[in-house]
Amino acid sequence: MSKRQKLLIRIRRNPKNISFADLRNLIEMYGFVLKRTKGSHHSFLGKVGGQSVLLVIPYDQPLKTVYVKKALDLIEQIERETSSQED
């Protein structure tokens, strides 16, 4: 099992107690790039479904669950795309 898969499983199991660094590492492993930082808000740009998606996450410790779940939803879409392309 890869490092990315282990981190994804850990975050899916408990989205309430996730550090900003862990979520940032995970979304960067899925191709998101930090586009800009303004105050405490970090904007990440990635490709989902062939379209550019902007994901804005404020720096909190721990992160609010709503931001973690939004990132997980985008990751699930990316995984579905890659699995359908492999078939």
PDB file of N, CA and C in Angstrom:
ATOM      1  N   MET A   1       0.853  -1.172   0.000  1.00  0.00           N
ATOM      2  CA  MET A   1       0.000   0.000   0.000  1.00  0.00           C
ATOM      3  C   MET A   1       0.906   1.245   0.000  1.00  0.00           C
ATOM      4  N   SER A   2       0.567   2.174  -0.867  1.00  0.00           N
ATOM      5  CA  SER A   2       1.405   3.360  -1.002  1.00  0.00           C
ATOM      6  C   SER A   2       1.142   4.364   0.126  1.00  0.00           C
ATOM      7  N   LYS A   3       2.044   5.298   0.239  1.00  0.00           N
ATOM      8  CA  LYS A   3       1.928   6.356   1.249  1.00  0.00           C
ATOM      9  C   LYS A   3       0.649   7.167   1.025  1.00  0.00           C
ATOM     10  N   ARG A   4       0.334   7.417  -0.257  1.00  0.00           N
ATOM     11  CA  ARG A   4      -0.863   8.172  -0.612  1.00  0.00           C
ATOM     12  C   ARG A   4      -2.129   7.431  -0.168  1.00  0.00           C
ATOM     13  N   GLN A   5      -2.169   6.129  -0.399  1.00  0.00           N
ATOM     14  CA  GLN A   5      -3.333   5.335  -0.008  1.00  0.00           C
ATOM     15  C   GLN A   5      -3.493   5.291   1.512  1.00  0.00           C
ATOM     16  N   LYS A   6      -2.394   5.144   2.230  1.00  0.00           N
ATOM     17  CA  LYS A   6      -2.462   5.118   3.690  1.00  0.00           C
ATOM     18  C   LYS A   6      -2.996   6.433   4.253  1.00  0.00           C
ATOM     19  N   LEU A   7      -2.507   7.543   3.705  1.00  0.00           N
ATOM     20  CA  LEU A   7      -2.963   8.856   4.162  1.00  0.00           C
ATOM     21  C   LEU A   7      -4.435   9.060   3.823  1.00  0.00           C
ATOM     22  N   LEU A   8      -4.850   8.643   2.641  1.00  0.00           N
ATOM     23  CA  LEU A   8      -6.248   8.775   2.235  1.00  0.00           C
ATOM     24  C   LEU A   8      -7.161   7.964   3.146  1.00  0.00           C
ATOM     25  N   ILE A   9      -6.788   6.756   3.470  1.00  0.00           N
ATOM     26  CA  ILE A   9      -7.596   5.907   4.351  1.00  0.00           C
ATOM     27  C   ILE A   9      -7.708   6.528   5.743  1.00  0.00           C
ATOM     28  N   ARG A  10      -6.593   7.043   6.250  1.00  0.00           N
ATOM     29  CA  ARG A  10      -6.605   7.662   7.584  1.00  0.00           C
ATOM     30  C   ARG A  10      -7.514   8.889   7.624  1.00  0.00           C
ATOM     31  N   ILE A  11      -7.475   9.695   6.575  1.00  0.00           N
ATOM     32  CA  ILE A  11      -8.311  10.897   6.540  1.00  0.00           C
ATOM     33  C   ILE A  11      -9.780  10.535   6.350  1.00  0.00           C
ATOM     34  N   ARG A  12     -10.066   9.521   5.542  1.00  0.00           N
ATOM     35  CA  ARG A  12     -11.458   9.092   5.357  1.00  0.00           C
ATOM     36  C   ARG A  12     -12.050   8.548   6.654  1.00  0.00           C
ATOM     37  N   ARG A  13     -11.250   7.854   7.436  1.00  0.00           N
ATOM     38  CA  ARG A  13     -11.749   7.271   8.684  1.00  0.00           C
ATOM     39  C   ARG A  13     -12.131   8.319   9.714  1.00  0.00           C
ATOM     40  N   ASN A  14     -11.349   9.392   9.797  1.00  0.00           N
ATOM     41  CA  ASN A  14     -11.606  10.423  10.801  1.00  0.00           C
ATOM     42  C   ASN A  14     -11.376  11.810  10.202  1.00  0.00           C
ATOM     43  N   PRO A  15     -12.366  12.348   9.467  1.00  0.00           N
ATOM     44  CA  PRO A  15     -12.173  13.670   8.855  1.00  0.00           C
ATOM     45  C   PRO A  15     -12.263  14.832   9.840  1.00  0.00           C
ATOM     46  N   LYS A  16     -12.503  14.542  11.112  1.00  0.00           N
ATOM     47  CA  LYS A  16     -12.664  15.606  12.102  1.00  0.00           C
ATOM     48  C   LYS A  16     -11.357  16.076  12.719  1.00  0.00           C
ATOM     49  N   ASN A  17     -10.337  15.270  12.652  1.00  0.00           N
ATOM     50  CA  ASN A  17      -9.101  15.616  13.352  1.00  0.00           C
ATOM     51  C   ASN A  17      -7.920  15.562  12.388  1.00  0.00           C
ATOM     52  N   ILE A  18      -7.974  16.397  11.343  1.00  0.00           N
ATOM     53  CA  ILE A  18      -6.953  16.381  10.303  1.00  0.00           C
ATOM     54  C   ILE A  18      -6.173  17.689  10.334  1.00  0.00           C
ATOM     55  N   SER A  19      -4.867  17.579  10.249  1.00  0.00           N
ATOM     56  CA  SER A  19      -4.044  18.787  10.220  1.00  0.00           C
ATOM     57  C   SER A  19      -4.013  19.349   8.800  1.00  0.00           C
ATOM     58  N   PHE A  20      -3.742  20.623   8.707  1.00  0.00           N
ATOM     59  CA  PHE A  20      -3.637  21.281   7.403  1.00  0.00           C
ATOM     60  C   PHE A  20      -2.536  20.630   6.570  1.00  0.00           C
ATOM     61  N   ALA A  21      -1.423  20.306   7.196  1.00  0.00           N
ATOM     62  CA  ALA A  21      -0.287  19.718   6.481  1.00  0.00           C
ATOM     63  C   ALA A  21      -0.649  18.373   5.867  1.00  0.00           C
ATOM     64  N   ASP A  22      -1.397  17.547   6.598  1.00  0.00           N
ATOM     65  CA  ASP A  22      -1.803  16.248   6.064  1.00  0.00           C
ATOM     66  C   ASP A  22      -2.713  16.400   4.854  1.00  0.00           C
ATOM     67  N   LEU A  23      -3.696  17.286   4.951  1.00  0.00           N
ATOM     68  CA  LEU A  23      -4.608  17.477   3.828  1.00  0.00           C
ATOM     69  C   LEU A  23      -3.870  18.084   2.642  1.00  0.00           C
ATOM     70  N   ARG A  24      -2.986  19.016   2.905  1.00  0.00           N
ATOM     71  CA  ARG A  24      -2.208  19.621   1.818  1.00  0.00           C
ATOM     72  C   ARG A  24      -1.364  18.564   1.112  1.00  0.00           C
ATOM     73  N   ASN A  25      -0.698  17.712   1.877  1.00  0.00           N
ATOM     74  CA  ASN A  25       0.105  16.643   1.276  1.00  0.00           C
ATOM     75  C   ASN A  25      -0.753  15.742   0.401  1.00  0.00           C
ATOM     76  N   LEU A  26      -1.936  15.382   0.889  1.00  0.00           N
ATOM     77  CA  LEU A  26      -2.808  14.486   0.148  1.00  0.00           C
ATOM     78  C   LEU A  26      -3.272  15.103  -1.164  1.00  0.00           C
ATOM     79  N   ILE A  27      -3.767  16.336  -1.114  1.00  0.00           N
ATOM     80  CA  ILE A  27      -4.276  16.918  -2.360  1.00  0.00           C
ATOM     81  C   ILE A  27      -3.149  17.204  -3.343  1.00  0.00           C
ATOM     82  N   GLU A  28      -1.949  17.499  -2.848  1.00  0.00           N
ATOM     83  CA  GLU A  28      -0.818  17.686  -3.750  1.00  0.00           C
ATOM     84  C   GLU A  28      -0.404  16.362  -4.389  1.00  0.00           C
ATOM     85  N   MET A  29      -0.589  15.247  -3.689  1.00  0.00           N
ATOM     86  CA  MET A  29      -0.321  13.935  -4.276  1.00  0.00           C
ATOM     87  C   MET A  29      -1.294  13.623  -5.414  1.00  0.00           C
ATOM     88  N   TYR A  30      -2.456  14.229  -5.374  1.00  0.00           N
ATOM     89  CA  TYR A  30      -3.458  14.038  -6.424  1.00  0.00           C
ATOM     90  C   TYR A  30      -3.390  15.127  -7.494  1.00  0.00           C
ATOM     91  N   GLY A  31      -2.329  15.895  -7.535  1.00  0.00           N
ATOM     92  CA  GLY A  31      -2.091  16.817  -8.624  1.00  0.00           C
ATOM     93  C   GLY A  31      -2.497  18.252  -8.392  1.00  0.00           C
ATOM     94  N   PHE A  32      -2.976  18.593  -7.218  1.00  0.00           N
ATOM     95  CA  PHE A  32      -3.324  19.986  -6.938  1.00  0.00           C
ATOM     96  C   PHE A  32      -2.051  20.778  -6.650  1.00  0.00           C
ATOM     97  N   VAL A  33      -2.064  22.036  -7.056  1.00  0.00           N
ATOM     98  CA  VAL A  33      -0.900  22.907  -6.888  1.00  0.00           C
ATOM     99  C   VAL A  33      -1.338  24.164  -6.142  1.00  0.00           C
ATOM    100  N   LEU A  34      -0.536  24.582  -5.183  1.00  0.00           N
ATOM    101  CA  LEU A  34      -0.828  25.817  -4.454  1.00  0.00           C
ATOM    102  C   LEU A  34      -0.690  26.985  -5.414  1.00  0.00           C
ATOM    103  N   LYS A  35      -1.799  27.676  -5.641  1.00  0.00           N
ATOM    104  CA  LYS A  35      -1.811  28.788  -6.589  1.00  0.00           C
ATOM    105  C   LYS A  35      -1.513  30.105  -5.888  1.00  0.00           C
ATOM    106  N   ARG A  36      -2.139  30.305  -4.732  1.00  0.00           N
ATOM    107  CA  ARG A  36      -1.883  31.548  -4.004  1.00  0.00           C
ATOM    108  C   ARG A  36      -2.313  31.407  -2.556  1.00  0.00           C
ATOM    109  N   THR A  37      -1.788  32.299  -1.728  1.00  0.00           N
ATOM    110  CA  THR A  37      -2.162  32.375  -0.329  1.00  0.00           C
ATOM    111  C   THR A  37      -2.530  33.814  -0.037  1.00  0.00           C
ATOM    112  N   LYS A  38      -3.685  33.995   0.566  1.00  0.00           N
ATOM    113  CA  LYS A  38      -4.113  35.332   0.947  1.00  0.00           C
ATOM    114  C   LYS A  38      -4.612  35.242   2.379  1.00  0.00           C
ATOM    115  N   GLY A  39      -3.856  35.820   3.282  1.00  0.00           N
ATOM    116  CA  GLY A  39      -4.196  35.687   4.693  1.00  0.00           C
ATOM    117  C   GLY A  39      -4.020  34.244   5.110  1.00  0.00           C
ATOM    118  N   SER A  40      -5.077  33.663   5.679  1.00  0.00           N
ATOM    119  CA  SER A  40      -4.999  32.269   6.100  1.00  0.00           C
ATOM    120  C   SER A  40      -5.561  31.311   5.058  1.00  0.00           C
ATOM    121  N   HIS A  41      -6.071  31.835   3.943  1.00  0.00           N
ATOM    122  CA  HIS A  41      -6.697  30.999   2.926  1.00  0.00           C
ATOM    123  C   HIS A  41      -5.682  30.601   1.849  1.00  0.00           C
ATOM    124  N   HIS A  42      -5.601  29.293   1.617  1.00  0.00           N
ATOM    125  CA  HIS A  42      -4.705  28.749   0.611  1.00  0.00           C
ATOM    126  C   HIS A  42      -5.556  28.249  -0.552  1.00  0.00           C
ATOM    127  N   SER A  43      -5.235  28.681  -1.757  1.00  0.00           N
ATOM    128  CA  SER A  43      -5.984  28.299  -2.954  1.00  0.00           C
ATOM    129  C   SER A  43      -5.172  27.287  -3.754  1.00  0.00           C
ATOM    130  N   PHE A  44      -5.765  26.110  -3.972  1.00  0.00           N
ATOM    131  CA  PHE A  44      -5.123  25.037  -4.721  1.00  0.00           C
ATOM    132  C   PHE A  44      -5.862  24.850  -6.034  1.00  0.00           C
ATOM    133  N   LEU A  45      -5.121  24.651  -7.108  1.00  0.00           N
ATOM    134  CA  LEU A  45      -5.695  24.463  -8.427  1.00  0.00           C
ATOM    135  C   LEU A  45      -5.395  23.048  -8.891  1.00  0.00           C
ATOM    136  N   GLY A  46      -6.427  22.368  -9.393  1.00  0.00           N
ATOM    137  CA  GLY A  46      -6.252  21.007  -9.874  1.00  0.00           C
ATOM    138  C   GLY A  46      -7.195  20.709 -11.018  1.00  0.00           C
ATOM    139  N   LYS A  47      -7.002  19.554 -11.649  1.00  0.00           N
ATOM    140  CA  LYS A  47      -7.842  19.122 -12.764  1.00  0.00           C
ATOM    141  C   LYS A  47      -8.756  18.003 -12.288  1.00  0.00           C
ATOM    142  N   VAL A  48     -10.074  18.223 -12.467  1.00  0.00           N
ATOM    143  CA  VAL A  48     -11.065  17.207 -12.135  1.00  0.00           C
ATOM    144  C   VAL A  48     -12.059  17.167 -13.286  1.00  0.00           C
ATOM    145  N   GLY A  49     -12.202  16.019 -13.900  1.00  0.00           N
ATOM    146  CA  GLY A  49     -13.133  15.900 -15.017  1.00  0.00           C
ATOM    147  C   GLY A  49     -12.720  16.722 -16.218  1.00  0.00           C
ATOM    148  N   GLY A  50     -11.436  16.936 -16.401  1.00  0.00           N
ATOM    149  CA  GLY A  50     -10.955  17.718 -17.520  1.00  0.00           C
ATOM    150  C   GLY A  50     -11.103  19.221 -17.339  1.00  0.00           C
ATOM    151  N   GLN A  51     -11.579  19.637 -16.175  1.00  0.00           N
ATOM    152  CA  GLN A  51     -11.753  21.061 -15.903  1.00  0.00           C
ATOM    153  C   GLN A  51     -10.877  21.470 -14.720  1.00  0.00           C
ATOM    154  N   SER A  52     -10.478  22.731 -14.736  1.00  0.00           N
ATOM    155  CA  SER A  52      -9.712  23.262 -13.612  1.00  0.00           C
ATOM    156  C   SER A  52     -10.646  23.537 -12.445  1.00  0.00           C
ATOM    157  N   VAL A  53     -10.236  23.120 -11.266  1.00  0.00           N
ATOM    158  CA  VAL A  53     -11.034  23.299 -10.054  1.00  0.00           C
ATOM    159  C   VAL A  53     -10.189  24.037  -9.025  1.00  0.00           C
ATOM    160  N   LEU A  54     -10.780  25.044  -8.412  1.00  0.00           N
ATOM    161  CA  LEU A  54     -10.107  25.801  -7.366  1.00  0.00           C
ATOM    162  C   LEU A  54     -10.638  25.336  -6.015  1.00  0.00           C
ATOM    163  N   LEU A  55      -9.740  24.906  -5.154  1.00  0.00           N
ATOM    164  CA  LEU A  55     -10.087  24.449  -3.822  1.00  0.00           C
ATOM    165  C   LEU A  55      -9.446  25.409  -2.822  1.00  0.00           C
ATOM    166  N   VAL A  56     -10.270  26.094  -2.054  1.00  0.00           N
ATOM    167  CA  VAL A  56      -9.778  27.073  -1.077  1.00  0.00           C
ATOM    168  C   VAL A  56      -9.918  26.469   0.316  1.00  0.00           C
ATOM    169  N   ILE A  57      -8.804  26.423   1.034  1.00  0.00           N
ATOM    170  CA  ILE A  57      -8.782  25.836   2.374  1.00  0.00           C
ATOM    171  C   ILE A  57      -8.137  26.831   3.329  1.00  0.00           C
ATOM    172  N   PRO A  58      -8.862  27.249   4.371  1.00  0.00           N
ATOM    173  CA  PRO A  58      -8.242  28.135   5.360  1.00  0.00           C
ATOM    174  C   PRO A  58      -7.332  27.334   6.284  1.00  0.00           C
ATOM    175  N   TYR A  59      -6.278  27.975   6.742  1.00  0.00           N
ATOM    176  CA  TYR A  59      -5.337  27.315   7.641  1.00  0.00           C
ATOM    177  C   TYR A  59      -5.933  27.314   9.040  1.00  0.00           C
ATOM    178  N   ASP A  60      -6.375  26.160   9.489  1.00  0.00           N
ATOM    179  CA  ASP A  60      -6.892  25.964  10.850  1.00  0.00           C
ATOM    180  C   ASP A  60      -6.246  24.712  11.407  1.00  0.00           C
ATOM    181  N   GLN A  61      -6.178  24.628  12.726  1.00  0.00           N
ATOM    182  CA  GLN A  61      -5.687  23.419  13.389  1.00  0.00           C
ATOM    183  C   GLN A  61      -6.678  22.983  14.436  1.00  0.00           C
ATOM    184  N   PRO A  62      -7.357  21.873  14.321  1.00  0.00           N
ATOM    185  CA  PRO A  62      -7.486  21.044  13.124  1.00  0.00           C
ATOM    186  C   PRO A  62      -8.435  21.700  12.129  1.00  0.00           C
ATOM    187  N   LEU A  63      -8.436  21.175  10.912  1.00  0.00           N
ATOM    188  CA  LEU A  63      -9.300  21.726   9.873  1.00  0.00           C
ATOM    189  C   LEU A  63     -10.760  21.428  10.163  1.00  0.00           C
ATOM    190  N   LYS A  64     -11.642  22.300   9.695  1.00  0.00           N
ATOM    191  CA  LYS A  64     -13.064  22.028   9.816  1.00  0.00           C
ATOM    192  C   LYS A  64     -13.417  20.905   8.849  1.00  0.00           C
ATOM    193  N   THR A  65     -14.355  20.072   9.277  1.00  0.00           N
ATOM    194  CA  THR A  65     -14.728  18.879   8.528  1.00  0.00           C
ATOM    195  C   THR A  65     -15.229  19.200   7.127  1.00  0.00           C
ATOM    196  N   VAL A  66     -15.900  20.314   6.948  1.00  0.00           N
ATOM    197  CA  VAL A  66     -16.466  20.659   5.643  1.00  0.00           C
ATOM    198  C   VAL A  66     -15.372  20.777   4.578  1.00  0.00           C
ATOM    199  N   TYR A  67     -14.219  21.305   4.914  1.00  0.00           N
ATOM    200  CA  TYR A  67     -13.130  21.446   3.943  1.00  0.00           C
ATOM    201  C   TYR A  67     -12.491  20.099   3.632  1.00  0.00           C
ATOM    202  N   VAL A  68     -12.385  19.263   4.642  1.00  0.00           N
ATOM    203  CA  VAL A  68     -11.823  17.926   4.437  1.00  0.00           C
ATOM    204  C   VAL A  68     -12.742  17.121   3.523  1.00  0.00           C
ATOM    205  N   LYS A  69     -14.055  17.180   3.778  1.00  0.00           N
ATOM    206  CA  LYS A  69     -15.003  16.415   2.962  1.00  0.00           C
ATOM    207  C   LYS A  69     -15.042  16.921   1.527  1.00  0.00           C
ATOM    208  N   LYS A  70     -14.916  18.214   1.330  1.00  0.00           N
ATOM    209  CA  LYS A  70     -14.890  18.760  -0.029  1.00  0.00           C
ATOM    210  C   LYS A  70     -13.670  18.232  -0.789  1.00  0.00           C
ATOM    211  N   ALA A  71     -12.522  18.203  -0.128  1.00  0.00           N
ATOM    212  CA  ALA A  71     -11.307  17.675  -0.751  1.00  0.00           C
ATOM    213  C   ALA A  71     -11.462  16.187  -1.054  1.00  0.00           C
ATOM    214  N   LEU A  72     -12.067  15.438  -0.128  1.00  0.00           N
ATOM    215  CA  LEU A  72     -12.282  14.004  -0.347  1.00  0.00           C
ATOM    216  C   LEU A  72     -13.216  13.757  -1.526  1.00  0.00           C
ATOM    217  N   ASP A  73     -14.239  14.585  -1.687  1.00  0.00           N
ATOM    218  CA  ASP A  73     -15.148  14.454  -2.830  1.00  0.00           C
ATOM    219  C   ASP A  73     -14.407  14.645  -4.146  1.00  0.00           C
ATOM    220  N   LEU A  74     -13.540  15.642  -4.196  1.00  0.00           N
ATOM    221  CA  LEU A  74     -12.760  15.882  -5.410  1.00  0.00           C
ATOM    222  C   LEU A  74     -11.803  14.720  -5.688  1.00  0.00           C
ATOM    223  N   ILE A  75     -11.211  14.176  -4.642  1.00  0.00           N
ATOM    224  CA  ILE A  75     -10.299  13.041  -4.799  1.00  0.00           C
ATOM    225  C   ILE A  75     -11.054  11.824  -5.317  1.00  0.00           C
ATOM    226  N   GLU A  76     -12.272  11.591  -4.820  1.00  0.00           N
ATOM    227  CA  GLU A  76     -13.075  10.468  -5.308  1.00  0.00           C
ATOM    228  C   GLU A  76     -13.377  10.619  -6.798  1.00  0.00           C
ATOM    229  N   GLN A  77     -13.671  11.848  -7.232  1.00  0.00           N
ATOM    230  CA  GLN A  77     -13.918  12.083  -8.658  1.00  0.00           C
ATOM    231  C   GLN A  77     -12.672  11.777  -9.480  1.00  0.00           C
ATOM    232  N   ILE A  78     -11.520  12.184  -8.979  1.00  0.00           N
ATOM    233  CA  ILE A  78     -10.260  11.915  -9.684  1.00  0.00           C
ATOM    234  C   ILE A  78     -10.011  10.410  -9.767  1.00  0.00           C
ATOM    235  N   GLU A  79     -10.261   9.693  -8.673  1.00  0.00           N
ATOM    236  CA  GLU A  79     -10.049   8.246  -8.674  1.00  0.00           C
ATOM    237  C   GLU A  79     -10.998   7.536  -9.633  1.00  0.00           C
ATOM    238  N   ARG A  80     -12.263   7.990  -9.707  1.00  0.00           N
ATOM    239  CA  ARG A  80     -13.210   7.392 -10.657  1.00  0.00           C
ATOM    240  C   ARG A  80     -12.750   7.612 -12.093  1.00  0.00           C
ATOM    241  N   GLU A  81     -12.224   8.792 -12.377  1.00  0.00           N
ATOM    242  CA  GLU A  81     -11.721   9.081 -13.728  1.00  0.00           C
ATOM    243  C   GLU A  81     -10.576   8.168 -14.093  1.00  0.00           C
ATOM    244  N   THR A  82      -9.638   8.010 -13.173  1.00  0.00           N
ATOM    245  CA  THR A  82      -8.468   7.190 -13.479  1.00  0.00           C
ATOM    246  C   THR A  82      -8.851   5.708 -13.591  1.00  0.00           C
ATOM    247  N   SER A  83      -9.802   5.252 -12.796  1.00  0.00           N
ATOM    248  CA  SER A  83     -10.210   3.850 -12.894  1.00  0.00           C
ATOM    249  C   SER A  83     -10.984   3.594 -14.173  1.00  0.00           C
ATOM    250  N   SER A  84     -11.788   4.562 -14.644  1.00  0.00           N
ATOM    251  CA  SER A  84     -12.541   4.371 -15.886  1.00  0.00           C
ATOM    252  C   SER A  84     -11.601   4.444 -17.089  1.00  0.00           C
ATOM    253  N   GLN A  85     -10.516   5.197 -16.997  1.00  0.00           N
ATOM    254  CA  GLN A  85      -9.558   5.271 -18.089  1.00  0.00           C
ATOM    255  C   GLN A  85      -8.741   3.986 -18.191  1.00  0.00           C
ATOM    256  N   GLU A  86      -8.544   3.312 -17.066  1.00  0.00           N
ATOM    257  CA  GLU A  86      -7.772   2.062 -17.071  1.00  0.00           C
ATOM    258  C   GLU A  86      -8.564   0.907 -17.644  1.00  0.00           C
ATOM    259  N   ASP A  87      -9.894   0.975 -17.559  1.00  0.00           N
ATOM    260  CA  ASP A  87     -10.746  -0.133 -18.051  1.00  0.00           C
ATOM    261  C   ASP A  87     -10.812  -0.200 -19.541  1.00  0.00           C
TER     262      ASP A  87
END
